[in-house]
Amino acid sequence: MTVFFKKAQRKNAKLRLAIAGPTGAGKTFGALILAKGIGGRIAVADTENSSAELYDDIVPFEHANLQPPYTPEKFIEAIKAAENAGFDTLIIDSITHEWSGVGGCLEIVDKLASTTFKGNSWGAWSQVTPRHRKFIDAMLQSSINIIVTLRSKMETVQTNDNGKKKVEKVGMKAEQRDGIEYEFTTVLDITHDNLAIATKDRTRLFADPRQLSENDGIALKQWLTSGSADACITGNQYFELEALMLQAGINIENFCSKRGLNSLHDVQQQKFDETCNGIQKIIERNQQAHNENEQQLQAENNARLDSDYQMALADIQNAKSINDLNKPSSYFHGTKYEQQINNACQAKSDMEGWSA
C-alpha cells in the first residue's frame, strides 16, 4: 500500500493515563480527583474489594466490583460495558490483577504450561500473549477516557530526618508486563507521601512533582480538547466503519489510496456519519439487487416447475408400466406438486391394474 505523508497535526484525543504506586500511596484517590476535573460521567471497575467506594464523597461515580478470575477478557468486557453505557471516563483499579492476580495472565501461563504444553512455558505464552494484547488494544482503541492504576512492588528504605532515623515505604517497578508504560500518554508514579512524579508525559503538564488535584484534571481536559478540529475517528468508529465496508464488499486499501489516507484511522470525525451513510446505501442497493435476483430466479424456477408438471401429467397418462411412474414421483418429491403427482400416479396405477 502507498504511504502518504502529510503535515503533522495533533488531534483531539482521549486520555490514556496510568498511576502507579505502593499500597496506600493514593492511586485510587488520584484517579478519581483527575476524573472529577475532566468532568462527565465516571465509571470505576474495581478489583480491590470495592475499596474505591470509600471515596464516594470526592465525586459521584458508578461502580462495578470485578471478581476473580481476572482474565484479560474480563477487563475487556468492563471497557466495552463502560463505552456502551455512555461514560466519559473509566477508571480501572487496578490492571495489576490482569497480569499477576488470581486467574490473571501469569496464572493462566502456569496452568497451560503444566497441562496443555507439558512444561513448555513458551508454548503457553503463545496463547496468553495475544489475549493480553487484546486487552491493551481495547484500552488504546476505546472511545472514552481511560485511567488505570498499577501496584508497585514495595521495599522499605531507612531515611534520616533531622538526625532521626525512620523507615519509609517506596514504590518500585509497577506490577504488569514489561513495557506497559509505553502504551499510555502519561504515566505517574505516586510516592508514599502522595507526590505524583511523571515518568512519561506527552501532555507536558506534570513537569513538577506534586499532589494531584482537580485542577490537574481540568488541565488534562483542556489539553485533550485543544487539538485540531479535524479529529480522526475513534477506535470504536474504526471497527464500525471497517465492518460496514466489509459488508458492502468495498476494498479498504483502494478506498484509502484514492483519498490519500494511510488507513481508516485517518478518516476525519466530521466525515464519519457521511461516510457510514454512503456505505449503508451501497449495502441497501446490494441487498435490493440480491433480493431482485432471488425473486427472478424463484419466478424462473416456478415457471419451469409448472411446465414440468404439465409434461409429467402427460407422461403419467402415457405410462406403459408401473416403473414409468417412478421418475415423476421422485422428481416432484418435496415440491408443491408432490401430492397431485402422487394422486395421478395412483390413479394411473389403479386404472391399469398395477396396484395389485
Protein backbone atom coordinates (compact mmCIF):
# COMPACT_ATOMS: atom_id res chain seq x y z
CA MET A 1 0.00 0.00 0.00
CA THR A 2 1.19 3.54 -0.75
CA VAL A 3 2.36 5.52 2.29
CA PHE A 4 1.21 9.14 2.43
CA PHE A 5 2.94 11.88 4.40
CA LYS A 6 1.06 14.98 5.46
CA LYS A 7 1.55 17.92 7.80
CA ALA A 8 1.69 16.75 11.43
CA GLN A 9 -1.28 17.99 13.41
CA ARG A 10 -2.31 16.95 16.91
CA LYS A 11 -5.89 15.81 17.03
CA ASN A 12 -8.38 15.89 19.87
CA ALA A 13 -7.69 12.83 21.98
CA LYS A 14 -8.98 10.56 24.70
CA LEU A 15 -6.96 10.18 27.88
CA ARG A 16 -4.76 7.15 28.43
CA LEU A 17 -3.17 7.67 31.86
CA ALA A 18 -1.60 5.25 34.33
CA ILE A 19 -0.99 5.86 38.03
CA ALA A 20 1.50 3.51 39.72
CA GLY A 21 2.46 3.34 43.35
CA PRO A 22 2.70 1.27 46.51
CA THR A 23 -0.27 0.40 48.69
CA GLY A 24 -1.59 3.44 50.50
CA ALA A 25 0.05 5.96 48.17
CA GLY A 26 -3.29 7.34 46.96
CA LYS A 27 -3.63 5.83 43.48
CA THR A 28 -7.42 5.50 43.62
CA PHE A 29 -7.85 8.95 45.13
CA GLY A 30 -5.59 10.44 42.45
CA ALA A 31 -7.51 8.73 39.65
CA LEU A 32 -10.85 9.98 40.98
CA ILE A 33 -9.68 13.55 41.54
CA LEU A 34 -8.34 13.70 37.96
CA ALA A 35 -11.59 12.27 36.60
CA LYS A 36 -13.52 14.88 38.59
CA GLY A 37 -11.55 17.66 36.93
CA ILE A 38 -12.08 16.16 33.48
CA GLY A 39 -15.82 16.10 34.12
CA GLY A 40 -18.65 13.98 32.79
CA ARG A 41 -19.85 10.57 33.94
CA ILE A 42 -17.30 8.40 35.70
CA ALA A 43 -17.21 4.60 35.98
CA VAL A 44 -14.87 2.59 38.21
CA ALA A 45 -14.05 -1.06 37.52
CA ASP A 46 -12.75 -2.14 40.94
CA THR A 47 -10.58 -5.19 41.63
CA GLU A 48 -9.71 -4.03 45.15
CA ASN A 49 -12.74 -5.41 47.03
CA SER A 50 -14.84 -2.28 46.42
CA SER A 51 -12.25 -0.03 48.08
CA ALA A 52 -13.00 2.73 45.54
CA GLU A 53 -16.44 3.17 47.09
CA LEU A 54 -14.74 4.59 50.18
CA TYR A 55 -14.15 7.74 48.09
CA ASP A 56 -17.74 8.35 47.02
CA ASP A 57 -17.62 11.74 48.76
CA ILE A 58 -14.97 13.00 46.30
CA VAL A 59 -17.06 12.84 43.14
CA PRO A 60 -20.20 10.95 42.04
CA PHE A 61 -19.31 7.80 40.12
CA GLU A 62 -20.76 4.41 39.22
CA HIS A 63 -19.04 1.29 40.41
CA ALA A 64 -18.52 -2.31 39.23
CA ASN A 65 -16.81 -4.81 41.51
CA LEU A 66 -14.72 -7.18 39.38
CA GLN A 67 -14.22 -10.63 40.87
CA PRO A 68 -11.60 -13.27 40.05
CA PRO A 69 -10.57 -14.89 37.82
CA TYR A 70 -9.01 -11.70 36.47
CA THR A 71 -8.70 -12.79 32.85
CA PRO A 72 -7.90 -10.27 30.09
CA GLU A 73 -11.40 -10.86 28.72
CA LYS A 74 -12.99 -9.70 31.97
CA PHE A 75 -11.23 -6.34 31.70
CA ILE A 76 -12.17 -6.04 28.02
CA GLU A 77 -15.79 -6.68 28.99
CA ALA A 78 -15.59 -3.88 31.59
CA ILE A 79 -14.24 -1.44 28.99
CA LYS A 80 -16.96 -2.32 26.46
CA ALA A 81 -19.66 -2.05 29.14
CA ALA A 82 -18.47 1.45 30.11
CA GLU A 83 -18.42 2.53 26.46
CA ASN A 84 -21.89 1.16 25.78
CA ALA A 85 -23.27 2.85 28.91
CA GLY A 86 -22.03 6.24 27.69
CA PHE A 87 -19.49 7.03 30.41
CA ASP A 88 -16.92 9.75 29.76
CA THR A 89 -14.12 8.26 31.88
CA LEU A 90 -13.40 4.72 33.05
CA ILE A 91 -11.03 4.08 35.96
CA ILE A 92 -9.66 0.53 36.15
CA ASP A 93 -8.39 -0.02 39.67
CA SER A 94 -6.12 -1.89 39.13
CA ILE A 95 -4.78 -3.55 35.97
CA THR A 96 -2.12 -5.34 38.03
CA HIS A 97 -4.70 -8.05 38.64
CA GLU A 98 -4.97 -8.74 34.89
CA TRP A 99 -1.29 -9.66 34.98
CA SER A 100 -0.47 -11.16 38.37
CA GLY A 101 -3.84 -11.52 40.09
CA VAL A 102 -5.92 -14.65 40.64
CA GLY A 103 -6.65 -16.06 37.21
CA GLY A 104 -4.53 -13.38 35.55
CA CYS A 105 -2.02 -13.87 32.75
CA LEU A 106 0.76 -15.34 34.89
CA GLU A 107 -1.56 -17.93 36.43
CA ILE A 108 -3.02 -18.79 33.03
CA VAL A 109 0.50 -19.39 31.68
CA ASP A 110 1.42 -21.60 34.65
CA LYS A 111 -1.74 -23.67 34.19
CA LEU A 112 -1.30 -24.07 30.44
CA ALA A 113 2.41 -24.87 30.80
CA SER A 114 1.69 -27.64 33.31
CA THR A 115 -1.17 -29.19 31.30
CA THR A 116 -1.62 -28.45 27.60
CA PHE A 117 2.04 -27.66 26.86
CA LYS A 118 3.60 -30.23 29.23
CA GLY A 119 6.08 -27.87 30.89
CA ASN A 120 6.74 -25.67 27.84
CA SER A 121 6.06 -22.14 29.12
CA TRP A 122 6.98 -20.62 25.75
CA GLY A 123 4.14 -22.53 24.18
CA ALA A 124 1.80 -21.28 26.88
CA TRP A 125 2.83 -17.67 26.24
CA SER A 126 1.94 -18.13 22.56
CA GLN A 127 -1.70 -18.39 23.67
CA VAL A 128 -1.69 -15.87 26.52
CA THR A 129 0.20 -13.00 24.86
CA PRO A 130 -2.50 -12.44 22.17
CA ARG A 131 -5.16 -12.36 24.90
CA HIS A 132 -3.17 -9.78 26.87
CA ARG A 133 -2.59 -7.77 23.70
CA LYS A 134 -6.35 -7.64 23.05
CA PHE A 135 -6.81 -6.12 26.50
CA ILE A 136 -4.19 -3.45 25.75
CA ASP A 137 -5.80 -2.77 22.36
CA ALA A 138 -9.22 -2.42 24.00
CA MET A 139 -7.79 0.37 26.18
CA LEU A 140 -5.95 2.11 23.35
CA GLN A 141 -8.88 1.99 20.92
CA SER A 142 -11.55 2.91 23.44
CA SER A 143 -13.87 5.79 22.65
CA ILE A 144 -13.72 7.10 26.25
CA ASN A 145 -11.03 8.31 28.64
CA ILE A 146 -9.15 5.52 30.42
CA ILE A 147 -7.30 5.94 33.74
CA VAL A 148 -5.68 2.85 35.24
CA THR A 149 -3.86 2.18 38.47
CA LEU A 150 -0.99 -0.25 38.94
CA ARG A 151 0.51 -1.63 42.10
CA SER A 152 4.22 -1.17 42.57
CA LYS A 153 6.45 -3.75 44.20
CA MET A 154 7.36 -2.38 47.58
CA GLU A 155 10.52 -2.06 49.55
CA THR A 156 11.46 -0.11 52.66
CA VAL A 157 14.34 2.31 52.99
CA GLN A 158 15.85 3.96 56.04
CA THR A 159 15.97 7.75 55.95
CA ASN A 160 17.42 10.37 58.22
CA ASP A 161 15.11 13.21 59.24
CA ASN A 162 16.96 15.79 61.33
CA GLY A 163 19.05 13.12 62.94
CA LYS A 164 16.12 10.75 63.48
CA LYS A 165 16.11 7.52 61.60
CA LYS A 166 12.83 6.31 60.19
CA VAL A 167 11.68 3.64 57.75
CA GLU A 168 9.68 4.63 54.69
CA LYS A 169 7.91 2.60 52.01
CA VAL A 170 8.84 3.39 48.44
CA GLY A 171 7.40 2.18 45.14
CA MET A 172 9.46 0.22 42.69
CA LYS A 173 8.60 -1.33 39.36
CA ALA A 174 4.89 -1.47 38.50
CA GLU A 175 3.42 -4.97 38.61
CA GLN A 176 2.44 -5.52 35.00
CA ARG A 177 4.07 -6.78 31.85
CA ASP A 178 7.39 -5.13 30.97
CA GLY A 179 6.88 -2.17 28.67
CA ILE A 180 3.30 -1.44 29.78
CA GLU A 181 4.25 2.21 30.29
CA TYR A 182 4.78 2.64 26.53
CA GLU A 183 1.05 2.17 25.97
CA PHE A 184 -0.02 5.32 27.85
CA THR A 185 0.10 9.03 27.09
CA THR A 186 1.07 9.80 30.68
CA VAL A 187 2.45 7.62 33.49
CA LEU A 188 2.57 8.99 37.05
CA ASP A 189 4.40 7.34 39.93
CA ILE A 190 2.83 8.18 43.30
CA THR A 191 5.21 8.21 46.25
CA HIS A 192 4.08 7.15 49.71
CA ASP A 193 3.69 10.81 50.68
CA ASN A 194 1.24 11.27 47.76
CA LEU A 195 3.55 13.11 45.35
CA ALA A 196 2.93 12.41 41.66
CA ILE A 197 6.12 12.14 39.61
CA ALA A 198 5.78 11.84 35.83
CA THR A 199 7.93 9.07 34.34
CA LYS A 200 6.31 9.63 30.94
CA ASP A 201 4.21 12.64 29.99
CA ARG A 202 3.33 13.61 26.44
CA THR A 203 0.96 16.27 27.76
CA ARG A 204 3.87 18.08 29.44
CA LEU A 205 1.51 19.08 32.27
CA PHE A 206 3.32 17.24 35.07
CA ALA A 207 6.83 18.63 34.87
CA ASP A 208 6.99 19.23 38.63
CA PRO A 209 6.23 16.60 41.31
CA ARG A 210 3.06 17.47 43.24
CA GLN A 211 -0.05 16.12 44.85
CA LEU A 212 -2.75 15.56 42.27
CA SER A 213 -5.72 17.92 42.33
CA GLU A 214 -8.92 18.63 40.47
CA ASN A 215 -7.08 21.41 38.61
CA ASP A 216 -4.81 18.77 37.05
CA GLY A 217 -7.91 17.08 35.65
CA ILE A 218 -9.17 20.40 34.29
CA ALA A 219 -5.79 20.97 32.62
CA LEU A 220 -5.92 17.47 31.13
CA LYS A 221 -9.40 18.15 29.72
CA GLN A 222 -8.16 21.36 28.08
CA TRP A 223 -5.17 19.52 26.58
CA LEU A 224 -7.33 16.68 25.28
CA THR A 225 -9.73 19.04 23.52
CA SER A 226 -7.20 21.57 22.24
CA GLY A 227 -6.17 19.60 19.18
CA SER A 228 -7.24 20.09 15.60
CA ALA A 229 -10.94 20.30 14.84
CA ASP A 230 -10.27 17.71 12.13
CA ALA A 231 -10.12 14.94 14.69
CA CYS A 232 -9.83 11.41 13.38
CA ILE A 233 -12.33 8.69 14.19
CA THR A 234 -12.16 6.74 17.44
CA GLY A 235 -11.28 3.08 17.82
CA ASN A 236 -14.93 2.04 18.01
CA GLN A 237 -15.78 4.10 14.94
CA TYR A 238 -12.88 2.48 13.10
CA PHE A 239 -14.29 -1.00 13.79
CA GLU A 240 -17.80 0.13 12.81
CA LEU A 241 -16.54 1.60 9.53
CA GLU A 242 -14.42 -1.45 8.77
CA ALA A 243 -17.37 -3.80 9.37
CA LEU A 244 -19.62 -1.75 7.08
CA MET A 245 -17.02 -1.74 4.30
CA LEU A 246 -16.53 -5.49 4.52
CA GLN A 247 -20.32 -5.97 4.41
CA ALA A 248 -20.53 -3.70 1.37
CA GLY A 249 -17.68 -5.50 -0.36
CA ILE A 250 -15.52 -2.36 -0.51
CA ASN A 251 -11.77 -2.80 -0.95
CA ILE A 252 -10.44 -0.88 2.06
CA GLU A 253 -6.95 -0.47 0.63
CA ASN A 254 -8.29 1.08 -2.57
CA PHE A 255 -10.68 3.27 -0.59
CA CYS A 256 -7.82 4.72 1.47
CA SER A 257 -5.46 5.06 -1.50
CA LYS A 258 -7.96 7.13 -3.53
CA ARG A 259 -8.41 9.53 -0.59
CA GLY A 260 -4.76 9.86 0.43
CA LEU A 261 -5.25 8.03 3.72
CA ASN A 262 -2.68 5.75 5.33
CA SER A 263 -5.53 3.74 6.88
CA LEU A 264 -9.13 4.05 8.02
CA HIS A 265 -7.80 5.55 11.24
CA ASP A 266 -7.19 8.76 9.25
CA VAL A 267 -10.87 9.24 8.38
CA GLN A 268 -11.98 12.56 9.87
CA GLN A 269 -14.51 12.56 12.65
CA GLN A 270 -16.64 15.14 10.85
CA LYS A 271 -16.91 12.86 7.81
CA PHE A 272 -17.69 9.68 9.75
CA ASP A 273 -21.50 9.85 9.60
CA GLU A 274 -21.46 10.88 5.94
CA THR A 275 -19.12 8.01 5.06
CA CYS A 276 -21.18 5.45 7.01
CA ASN A 277 -24.41 6.65 5.42
CA GLY A 278 -22.90 6.35 1.94
CA ILE A 279 -21.71 2.81 2.64
CA GLN A 280 -25.07 1.89 4.14
CA LYS A 281 -26.76 2.95 0.89
CA ILE A 282 -24.37 0.69 -1.03
CA ILE A 283 -25.30 -2.19 1.29
CA GLU A 284 -29.00 -1.47 0.77
CA ARG A 285 -28.57 -1.34 -3.03
CA ASN A 286 -26.63 -4.60 -2.96
CA GLN A 287 -29.32 -6.19 -0.81
CA GLN A 288 -32.07 -4.93 -3.11
CA ALA A 289 -30.25 -6.29 -6.16
CA HIS A 290 -29.74 -9.59 -4.37
CA ASN A 291 -33.44 -9.79 -3.48
CA GLU A 292 -34.45 -8.97 -7.05
CA ASN A 293 -32.13 -11.68 -8.36
CA GLU A 294 -33.58 -14.14 -5.88
CA GLN A 295 -37.11 -13.23 -6.93
CA GLN A 296 -36.19 -13.59 -10.60
CA LEU A 297 -34.63 -16.99 -10.01
CA GLN A 298 -37.64 -18.07 -7.98
CA ALA A 299 -40.01 -16.95 -10.72
CA GLU A 300 -37.97 -18.84 -13.33
CA ASN A 301 -37.91 -21.95 -11.16
CA ASN A 302 -41.67 -21.75 -10.60
CA ALA A 303 -42.31 -21.37 -14.33
CA ARG A 304 -40.03 -24.31 -15.07
CA LEU A 305 -41.74 -26.42 -12.43
CA ASP A 306 -45.18 -25.56 -13.81
CA SER A 307 -44.07 -26.60 -17.29
CA ASP A 308 -42.52 -29.81 -15.97
CA TYR A 309 -45.72 -30.59 -14.10
CA GLN A 310 -47.82 -30.43 -17.25
CA MET A 311 -45.32 -32.63 -19.09
CA ALA A 312 -45.27 -35.10 -16.18
CA LEU A 313 -49.06 -35.45 -16.26
CA ALA A 314 -48.82 -36.35 -19.95
CA ASP A 315 -46.04 -38.88 -19.22
CA ILE A 316 -48.10 -40.48 -16.48
CA GLN A 317 -51.07 -40.75 -18.81
CA ASN A 318 -48.87 -42.48 -21.42
CA ALA A 319 -47.00 -44.73 -18.96
CA LYS A 320 -46.59 -48.35 -20.19
CA SER A 321 -45.65 -49.91 -16.83
CA ILE A 322 -45.57 -49.10 -13.13
CA ASN A 323 -41.84 -48.42 -13.40
CA ASP A 324 -42.60 -45.45 -15.65
CA LEU A 325 -44.27 -43.78 -12.66
CA ASN A 326 -41.12 -43.74 -10.51
CA LYS A 327 -39.47 -40.82 -12.31
CA PRO A 328 -42.26 -38.23 -11.93
CA SER A 329 -42.92 -39.31 -8.35
CA SER A 330 -39.24 -38.85 -7.46
CA TYR A 331 -38.78 -35.62 -9.43
CA PHE A 332 -41.63 -33.76 -7.71
CA HIS A 333 -40.86 -35.00 -4.21
CA GLY A 334 -40.84 -32.07 -1.81
CA THR A 335 -42.43 -29.63 -4.28
CA LYS A 336 -45.87 -28.05 -4.30
CA TYR A 337 -46.95 -30.60 -6.90
CA GLU A 338 -45.91 -33.70 -4.93
CA GLN A 339 -49.41 -34.66 -3.82
CA GLN A 340 -51.00 -34.06 -7.23
CA ILE A 341 -48.35 -36.19 -8.96
CA ASN A 342 -48.75 -38.99 -6.41
CA ASN A 343 -52.52 -38.89 -6.92
CA ALA A 344 -52.11 -39.03 -10.72
CA CYS A 345 -49.67 -41.93 -10.42
CA GLN A 346 -52.04 -43.82 -8.12
CA ALA A 347 -54.99 -43.20 -10.43
CA LYS A 348 -52.99 -44.48 -13.46
CA SER A 349 -51.83 -47.50 -11.49
CA ASP A 350 -55.37 -48.32 -10.36
CA MET A 351 -56.76 -47.87 -13.86
CA GLU A 352 -54.17 -50.21 -15.37
CA GLY A 353 -54.45 -52.75 -12.56
CA TRP A 354 -50.82 -52.25 -11.48
CA SER A 355 -51.69 -51.58 -7.85
CA ALA A 356 -52.45 -55.18 -7.09
